[in-house]
Amino acid sequence: MLDTLDAAAVRRWCAGGLAALRRHQGEIDDLNVYPVPDGDTGTNLVLTLTSAQQALAMDLATLPDGGSTAHGHALRLMARGALLGARGNSGVILSQILRGLADTLAADSAVRGRQLAAALGDATAAAYSAVAEPVEGTVLSVVAAAARAA
């Protein structure tokens, strides 16, 4: 059991999340009905998180920027990689969720349950603010539910 979040855990979380998205990509594509039933939400999430993981992999040796912890640096790399590789609305929203997590947790020396719960709340706010007309039943609802559950 992990006591606190560290950079290695961020990397494992990214890899695990990407693997889970890949397993459920088709199912998520089939659920996609908003704003148009284009059937690509799962694909867009996979492509966006792949970019986040690639950003983490390419920057293993760099030191955290000033005022950031190692886990904060890893979260910022993920967020930037996701933003640069964002596909579709869901990808942009995912990048903002990651940015919200990074902004909240970057300077915390120890990230435990309470800090993670607060960060999920901030990530929810960042995601909703990135969308001109938020609609429930989308990835926004997923992050909001995760924040409530945390």
Protein backbone atom coordinates (compact mmCIF):
# COMPACT_ATOMS: atom_id res chain seq x y z
CA MET A 1 0.00 0.00 0.00
CA LEU A 2 1.36 3.37 -0.99
CA ASP A 3 1.58 5.88 1.88
CA THR A 4 2.17 8.95 -0.23
CA LEU A 5 2.27 9.82 -3.90
CA ASP A 6 5.71 9.90 -5.52
CA ALA A 7 6.96 10.28 -9.09
CA ALA A 8 7.18 6.51 -9.60
CA ALA A 9 3.55 6.15 -8.52
CA VAL A 10 2.53 8.89 -10.97
CA ARG A 11 4.25 6.98 -13.76
CA ARG A 12 2.57 3.70 -12.74
CA TRP A 13 -0.80 5.46 -12.50
CA CYS A 14 -0.39 6.89 -16.00
CA ALA A 15 0.58 3.51 -17.44
CA GLY A 16 -2.25 1.74 -15.60
CA GLY A 17 -4.79 4.34 -16.68
CA LEU A 18 -3.67 4.08 -20.29
CA ALA A 19 -3.86 0.27 -20.19
CA ALA A 20 -7.40 0.44 -18.75
CA LEU A 21 -8.49 2.97 -21.38
CA ARG A 22 -7.10 0.76 -24.13
CA ARG A 23 -9.03 -2.24 -22.75
CA HIS A 24 -12.28 -0.24 -22.72
CA GLN A 25 -11.65 1.99 -25.75
CA GLY A 26 -14.33 0.39 -27.93
CA GLU A 27 -16.88 0.41 -25.13
CA ILE A 28 -16.24 4.12 -24.48
CA ASP A 29 -16.43 4.85 -28.21
CA ASP A 30 -19.85 3.16 -28.28
CA LEU A 31 -21.10 5.30 -25.37
CA ASN A 32 -20.21 8.55 -27.10
CA VAL A 33 -23.36 10.48 -28.03
CA TYR A 34 -22.51 14.11 -27.19
CA PRO A 35 -22.12 16.58 -28.81
CA VAL A 36 -22.47 14.33 -31.85
CA PRO A 37 -22.46 10.53 -31.94
CA ASP A 38 -19.06 10.33 -33.63
CA GLY A 39 -17.96 7.31 -31.62
CA ASP A 40 -14.41 8.44 -30.89
CA THR A 41 -14.28 9.45 -27.22
CA GLY A 42 -12.43 6.30 -26.17
CA THR A 43 -9.98 6.70 -29.03
CA ASN A 44 -9.41 10.37 -28.20
CA LEU A 45 -8.80 9.58 -24.52
CA VAL A 46 -6.30 6.85 -25.45
CA LEU A 47 -4.42 9.14 -27.84
CA THR A 48 -4.35 11.98 -25.31
CA LEU A 49 -3.13 9.83 -22.42
CA THR A 50 -0.56 8.22 -24.74
CA SER A 51 0.86 11.71 -25.31
CA ALA A 52 0.95 12.25 -21.55
CA GLN A 53 2.82 8.99 -21.02
CA GLN A 54 5.28 9.82 -23.80
CA ALA A 55 6.01 13.17 -22.16
CA LEU A 56 6.79 11.34 -18.92
CA ALA A 57 9.04 8.84 -20.68
CA MET A 58 11.02 11.47 -22.56
CA ASP A 59 11.78 13.51 -19.45
CA LEU A 60 12.89 10.90 -16.92
CA ALA A 61 16.19 12.54 -16.08
CA THR A 62 15.21 16.16 -15.59
CA LEU A 63 14.95 17.68 -12.18
CA PRO A 64 11.74 19.27 -10.95
CA ASP A 65 11.27 22.93 -11.74
CA GLY A 66 11.61 25.44 -8.90
CA GLY A 67 9.00 24.98 -6.20
CA SER A 68 7.85 21.61 -7.49
CA THR A 69 8.31 18.18 -5.99
CA ALA A 70 9.31 15.13 -8.03
CA HIS A 71 5.70 13.92 -8.13
CA GLY A 72 4.57 17.45 -9.00
CA HIS A 73 7.05 17.57 -11.86
CA ALA A 74 5.76 14.22 -13.15
CA LEU A 75 2.15 15.45 -12.94
CA ARG A 76 3.07 18.65 -14.79
CA LEU A 77 4.79 16.62 -17.52
CA MET A 78 1.67 14.50 -17.88
CA ALA A 79 -0.59 17.54 -18.06
CA ARG A 80 1.59 19.26 -20.65
CA GLY A 81 1.92 16.10 -22.73
CA ALA A 82 -1.84 15.60 -22.61
CA LEU A 83 -2.51 19.19 -23.65
CA LEU A 84 -0.06 19.07 -26.55
CA GLY A 85 -1.48 15.75 -27.73
CA ALA A 86 -5.13 16.37 -26.87
CA ARG A 87 -7.62 14.88 -29.31
CA GLY A 88 -11.22 16.02 -29.37
CA ASN A 89 -13.20 17.61 -26.58
CA SER A 90 -12.60 14.70 -24.23
CA GLY A 91 -8.83 14.96 -24.72
CA VAL A 92 -8.80 18.66 -23.92
CA ILE A 93 -10.93 18.03 -20.85
CA LEU A 94 -8.58 15.24 -19.74
CA SER A 95 -5.61 17.57 -20.11
CA GLN A 96 -7.36 20.11 -17.87
CA ILE A 97 -8.12 17.43 -15.27
CA LEU A 98 -4.42 16.57 -15.19
CA ARG A 99 -3.50 20.26 -15.00
CA GLY A 100 -5.86 20.70 -12.05
CA LEU A 101 -4.24 17.76 -10.25
CA ALA A 102 -0.75 19.06 -10.99
CA ASP A 103 -1.52 22.62 -9.92
CA THR A 104 -2.90 21.42 -6.60
CA LEU A 105 -0.37 18.70 -5.77
CA ALA A 106 2.90 20.00 -7.25
CA ALA A 107 4.22 21.69 -4.12
CA ASP A 108 2.79 19.28 -1.51
CA SER A 109 5.64 17.38 0.06
CA ALA A 110 3.40 14.46 0.98
CA VAL A 111 0.27 13.59 -0.96
CA ARG A 112 -2.11 11.39 0.96
CA GLY A 113 -5.85 10.78 0.73
CA ARG A 114 -7.06 14.22 1.83
CA GLN A 115 -4.72 16.02 -0.57
CA LEU A 116 -5.74 13.75 -3.43
CA ALA A 117 -9.44 14.29 -2.69
CA ALA A 118 -8.93 18.07 -2.68
CA ALA A 119 -6.95 17.86 -5.92
CA LEU A 120 -9.75 15.91 -7.59
CA GLY A 121 -12.12 18.71 -6.61
CA ASP A 122 -9.75 21.26 -8.16
CA ALA A 123 -9.36 19.08 -11.25
CA THR A 124 -13.15 18.99 -11.59
CA ALA A 125 -13.33 22.77 -11.40
CA ALA A 126 -10.55 23.12 -14.00
CA ALA A 127 -12.29 20.70 -16.35
CA TYR A 128 -15.68 22.38 -16.06
CA SER A 129 -14.16 25.82 -16.58
CA ALA A 130 -12.49 24.63 -19.79
CA VAL A 131 -15.86 23.91 -21.39
CA ALA A 132 -18.11 26.71 -22.61
CA GLU A 133 -21.31 24.73 -22.10
CA PRO A 134 -20.69 21.78 -19.75
CA VAL A 135 -22.96 18.78 -20.27
CA GLU A 136 -23.49 15.96 -17.81
CA GLY A 137 -23.00 12.40 -18.99
CA THR A 138 -19.53 13.18 -20.33
CA VAL A 139 -16.00 12.84 -18.96
CA LEU A 140 -16.90 15.87 -16.82
CA SER A 141 -19.38 13.70 -14.93
CA VAL A 142 -16.72 11.05 -14.42
CA VAL A 143 -14.23 13.43 -12.78
CA ALA A 144 -16.98 15.01 -10.67
CA ALA A 145 -18.05 11.57 -9.43
CA ALA A 146 -14.44 10.67 -8.63
CA ALA A 147 -14.06 13.89 -6.63
CA ARG A 148 -17.28 13.21 -4.68
CA ALA A 149 -16.24 9.62 -3.98
CA ALA A 150 -12.79 10.68 -2.79
